[in-house]
Amino acid sequence: MSTTTLWRPTGPDELALVAAAGWAAWPPRLPDQPIFYPVLNEAYAILIARDWNVPASGAGYVTRFEVRTTYLANYEVQQAGGRDILEYWIPAEDLAEFNRNIVGTIEVVRRFPDNAPLPG
C-alpha cells in the first residue's frame, strides 16, 4: 500500500482533540470551516504554525501523518500561493472518510515555541 506524507499546522485546541482521538483522527470542522487543508511540505506547515498559530493561540504545532495515496487521488492538489504552497482541500463532509484513510498515527514533529506543551 502506497501512502503520501502530509503535514498539518495546528493550534493547541485542535491538537488536544487529536490527542483525545488517540492521535488517529482529525476533529470535525467547525461551522465556519468548510474545508480541512493538510499541506504537502513541512516548510509551509512550519510557516503557518510559527507565524499564524502562535500569535493566534500562543502555540503552534506541525504534525505529520500518512494517508493512502489511492484515496488522495480523489482530490486535486491546490496551489494556495507560491509554487511551494500546496495543500489538499478536503470538504468538511469528507473528513470522516479521510480519517479512515490515515495510516498509522498523527505525530507532532515541531512545536513553537520549542517548549510548547503537548496535550495528553
C-alpha atoms as a PDB file:
ATOM      1  CA  MET A   1       0.000   0.000   0.000  1.00  0.00           C
ATOM      2  CA  SER A   2       1.373   3.361  -1.030  1.00  0.00           C
ATOM      3  CA  THR A   3       0.982   6.351   1.274  1.00  0.00           C
ATOM      4  CA  THR A   4       1.546  10.066   0.934  1.00  0.00           C
ATOM      5  CA  THR A   5       3.102  12.088   3.737  1.00  0.00           C
ATOM      6  CA  LEU A   6       1.106  15.157   4.723  1.00  0.00           C
ATOM      7  CA  TRP A   7       1.632  17.862   7.322  1.00  0.00           C
ATOM      8  CA  ARG A   8      -0.895  19.893   9.239  1.00  0.00           C
ATOM      9  CA  PRO A   9      -0.115  23.091  11.140  1.00  0.00           C
ATOM     10  CA  THR A  10      -2.397  23.387  14.133  1.00  0.00           C
ATOM     11  CA  GLY A  11      -3.001  25.218  17.363  1.00  0.00           C
ATOM     12  CA  PRO A  12      -3.350  23.768  20.855  1.00  0.00           C
ATOM     13  CA  ASP A  13      -7.145  23.369  20.821  1.00  0.00           C
ATOM     14  CA  GLU A  14      -7.232  21.257  17.666  1.00  0.00           C
ATOM     15  CA  LEU A  15      -4.174  19.295  18.789  1.00  0.00           C
ATOM     16  CA  ALA A  16      -5.891  18.442  22.082  1.00  0.00           C
ATOM     17  CA  LEU A  17      -8.793  16.958  20.101  1.00  0.00           C
ATOM     18  CA  VAL A  18      -6.344  14.897  18.011  1.00  0.00           C
ATOM     19  CA  ALA A  19      -4.734  13.618  21.213  1.00  0.00           C
ATOM     20  CA  ALA A  20      -8.175  12.749  22.626  1.00  0.00           C
ATOM     21  CA  ALA A  21      -8.808  10.721  19.445  1.00  0.00           C
ATOM     22  CA  GLY A  22      -5.700   8.637  20.152  1.00  0.00           C
ATOM     23  CA  TRP A  23      -3.584  10.526  17.601  1.00  0.00           C
ATOM     24  CA  ALA A  24      -5.560   8.748  14.876  1.00  0.00           C
ATOM     25  CA  ALA A  25      -8.075  11.301  13.523  1.00  0.00           C
ATOM     26  CA  TRP A  26      -8.732  14.958  12.914  1.00  0.00           C
ATOM     27  CA  PRO A  27     -11.751  16.524  14.629  1.00  0.00           C
ATOM     28  CA  PRO A  28     -14.838  17.583  12.680  1.00  0.00           C
ATOM     29  CA  ARG A  29     -14.679  21.036  11.180  1.00  0.00           C
ATOM     30  CA  LEU A  30     -16.402  23.928  12.895  1.00  0.00           C
ATOM     31  CA  PRO A  31     -19.350  25.574  11.106  1.00  0.00           C
ATOM     32  CA  ASP A  32     -17.076  28.322   9.731  1.00  0.00           C
ATOM     33  CA  GLN A  33     -14.510  25.778   8.452  1.00  0.00           C
ATOM     34  CA  PRO A  34     -15.857  24.246   5.220  1.00  0.00           C
ATOM     35  CA  ILE A  35     -12.578  22.527   4.340  1.00  0.00           C
ATOM     36  CA  PHE A  36      -9.763  20.643   6.026  1.00  0.00           C
ATOM     37  CA  TYR A  37      -6.440  21.523   4.451  1.00  0.00           C
ATOM     38  CA  PRO A  38      -3.413  19.326   5.071  1.00  0.00           C
ATOM     39  CA  VAL A  39      -0.294  20.607   3.331  1.00  0.00           C
ATOM     40  CA  LEU A  40       2.273  18.865   1.157  1.00  0.00           C
ATOM     41  CA  ASN A  41       5.517  20.141   2.630  1.00  0.00           C
ATOM     42  CA  GLU A  42       6.921  20.681   6.072  1.00  0.00           C
ATOM     43  CA  ALA A  43       8.355  24.146   5.349  1.00  0.00           C
ATOM     44  CA  TYR A  44       4.892  25.511   4.561  1.00  0.00           C
ATOM     45  CA  ALA A  45       3.454  23.864   7.702  1.00  0.00           C
ATOM     46  CA  ILE A  46       6.233  25.429   9.797  1.00  0.00           C
ATOM     47  CA  LEU A  47       5.474  28.864   8.372  1.00  0.00           C
ATOM     48  CA  ILE A  48       1.793  28.618   9.304  1.00  0.00           C
ATOM     49  CA  ALA A  49       2.386  27.092  12.756  1.00  0.00           C
ATOM     50  CA  ARG A  50       5.043  29.633  13.702  1.00  0.00           C
ATOM     51  CA  ASP A  51       3.674  32.772  12.058  1.00  0.00           C
ATOM     52  CA  TRP A  52      -0.106  32.265  12.359  1.00  0.00           C
ATOM     53  CA  ASN A  53      -0.885  29.748  15.100  1.00  0.00           C
ATOM     54  CA  VAL A  54       1.499  31.204  17.701  1.00  0.00           C
ATOM     55  CA  PRO A  55       0.090  34.762  17.508  1.00  0.00           C
ATOM     56  CA  ALA A  56      -3.486  33.446  17.383  1.00  0.00           C
ATOM     57  CA  SER A  57      -3.298  30.938  20.242  1.00  0.00           C
ATOM     58  CA  GLY A  58       0.087  31.122  21.953  1.00  0.00           C
ATOM     59  CA  ALA A  59       1.460  27.908  20.429  1.00  0.00           C
ATOM     60  CA  GLY A  60       1.794  26.267  17.045  1.00  0.00           C
ATOM     61  CA  TYR A  61       2.438  22.653  16.162  1.00  0.00           C
ATOM     62  CA  VAL A  62       3.441  20.864  12.983  1.00  0.00           C
ATOM     63  CA  THR A  63       2.046  17.371  12.634  1.00  0.00           C
ATOM     64  CA  ARG A  64       2.995  14.685  10.132  1.00  0.00           C
ATOM     65  CA  PHE A  65       0.900  11.722   9.045  1.00  0.00           C
ATOM     66  CA  GLU A  66       0.413   9.265   6.205  1.00  0.00           C
ATOM     67  CA  VAL A  67      -2.684   8.912   4.020  1.00  0.00           C
ATOM     68  CA  ARG A  68      -3.430   6.243   1.431  1.00  0.00           C
ATOM     69  CA  THR A  69      -2.336   7.634  -1.924  1.00  0.00           C
ATOM     70  CA  THR A  70      -5.259   5.971  -3.713  1.00  0.00           C
ATOM     71  CA  TYR A  71      -7.679   7.913  -1.504  1.00  0.00           C
ATOM     72  CA  LEU A  72      -5.916  11.243  -2.145  1.00  0.00           C
ATOM     73  CA  ALA A  73      -6.260  10.646  -5.892  1.00  0.00           C
ATOM     74  CA  ASN A  74      -9.890  11.751  -5.431  1.00  0.00           C
ATOM     75  CA  TYR A  75      -8.679  15.315  -4.781  1.00  0.00           C
ATOM     76  CA  GLU A  76      -6.587  17.796  -6.709  1.00  0.00           C
ATOM     77  CA  VAL A  77      -3.561  19.458  -5.161  1.00  0.00           C
ATOM     78  CA  GLN A  78      -4.337  23.145  -4.699  1.00  0.00           C
ATOM     79  CA  GLN A  79      -1.715  25.853  -5.105  1.00  0.00           C
ATOM     80  CA  ALA A  80      -2.613  28.348  -2.385  1.00  0.00           C
ATOM     81  CA  GLY A  81       0.060  30.909  -3.176  1.00  0.00           C
ATOM     82  CA  GLY A  82       3.640  30.400  -4.315  1.00  0.00           C
ATOM     83  CA  ARG A  83       4.748  27.275  -6.151  1.00  0.00           C
ATOM     84  CA  ASP A  84       5.644  25.530  -2.867  1.00  0.00           C
ATOM     85  CA  ILE A  85       2.404  26.445  -1.095  1.00  0.00           C
ATOM     86  CA  LEU A  86       0.491  23.284  -1.855  1.00  0.00           C
ATOM     87  CA  GLU A  87      -2.390  21.733   0.012  1.00  0.00           C
ATOM     88  CA  TYR A  88      -5.334  19.407  -0.353  1.00  0.00           C
ATOM     89  CA  TRP A  89      -8.795  20.839   0.200  1.00  0.00           C
ATOM     90  CA  ILE A  90     -10.865  18.133   1.845  1.00  0.00           C
ATOM     91  CA  PRO A  91     -14.534  19.152   2.208  1.00  0.00           C
ATOM     92  CA  ALA A  92     -15.730  19.017   5.817  1.00  0.00           C
ATOM     93  CA  GLU A  93     -18.271  16.348   4.912  1.00  0.00           C
ATOM     94  CA  ASP A  94     -15.431  14.089   3.642  1.00  0.00           C
ATOM     95  CA  LEU A  95     -13.312  14.313   6.786  1.00  0.00           C
ATOM     96  CA  ALA A  96     -14.564  11.082   8.402  1.00  0.00           C
ATOM     97  CA  GLU A  97     -13.568   9.117   5.285  1.00  0.00           C
ATOM     98  CA  PHE A  98     -10.258  10.999   5.141  1.00  0.00           C
ATOM     99  CA  ASN A  99      -9.598   9.936   8.739  1.00  0.00           C
ATOM    100  CA  ARG A 100     -10.314   6.300   7.844  1.00  0.00           C
ATOM    101  CA  ASN A 101      -7.544   6.557   5.236  1.00  0.00           C
ATOM    102  CA  ILE A 102      -4.871   7.732   7.667  1.00  0.00           C
ATOM    103  CA  VAL A 103      -2.236   5.023   8.044  1.00  0.00           C
ATOM    104  CA  GLY A 104      -0.542   4.935  11.440  1.00  0.00           C
ATOM    105  CA  THR A 105      -0.713   7.834  13.844  1.00  0.00           C
ATOM    106  CA  ILE A 106      -0.546  11.604  13.659  1.00  0.00           C
ATOM    107  CA  GLU A 107       2.718  12.786  15.183  1.00  0.00           C
ATOM    108  CA  VAL A 108       3.937  16.183  16.329  1.00  0.00           C
ATOM    109  CA  VAL A 109       7.255  16.936  14.636  1.00  0.00           C
ATOM    110  CA  ARG A 110       7.719  20.605  15.621  1.00  0.00           C
ATOM    111  CA  ARG A 111       6.498  22.946  18.337  1.00  0.00           C
ATOM    112  CA  PHE A 112       6.533  26.729  18.530  1.00  0.00           C
ATOM    113  CA  PRO A 113       7.770  27.881  20.901  1.00  0.00           C
ATOM    114  CA  ASP A 114      10.070  24.884  21.370  1.00  0.00           C
ATOM    115  CA  ASN A 115       8.792  24.308  24.902  1.00  0.00           C
ATOM    116  CA  ALA A 116       5.078  24.417  23.994  1.00  0.00           C
ATOM    117  CA  PRO A 117       3.346  21.659  25.973  1.00  0.00           C
ATOM    118  CA  LEU A 118       1.880  18.634  24.262  1.00  0.00           C
ATOM    119  CA  PRO A 119      -1.647  17.566  25.204  1.00  0.00           C
ATOM    120  CA  GLY A 120      -2.337  14.220  26.798  1.00  0.00           C
END
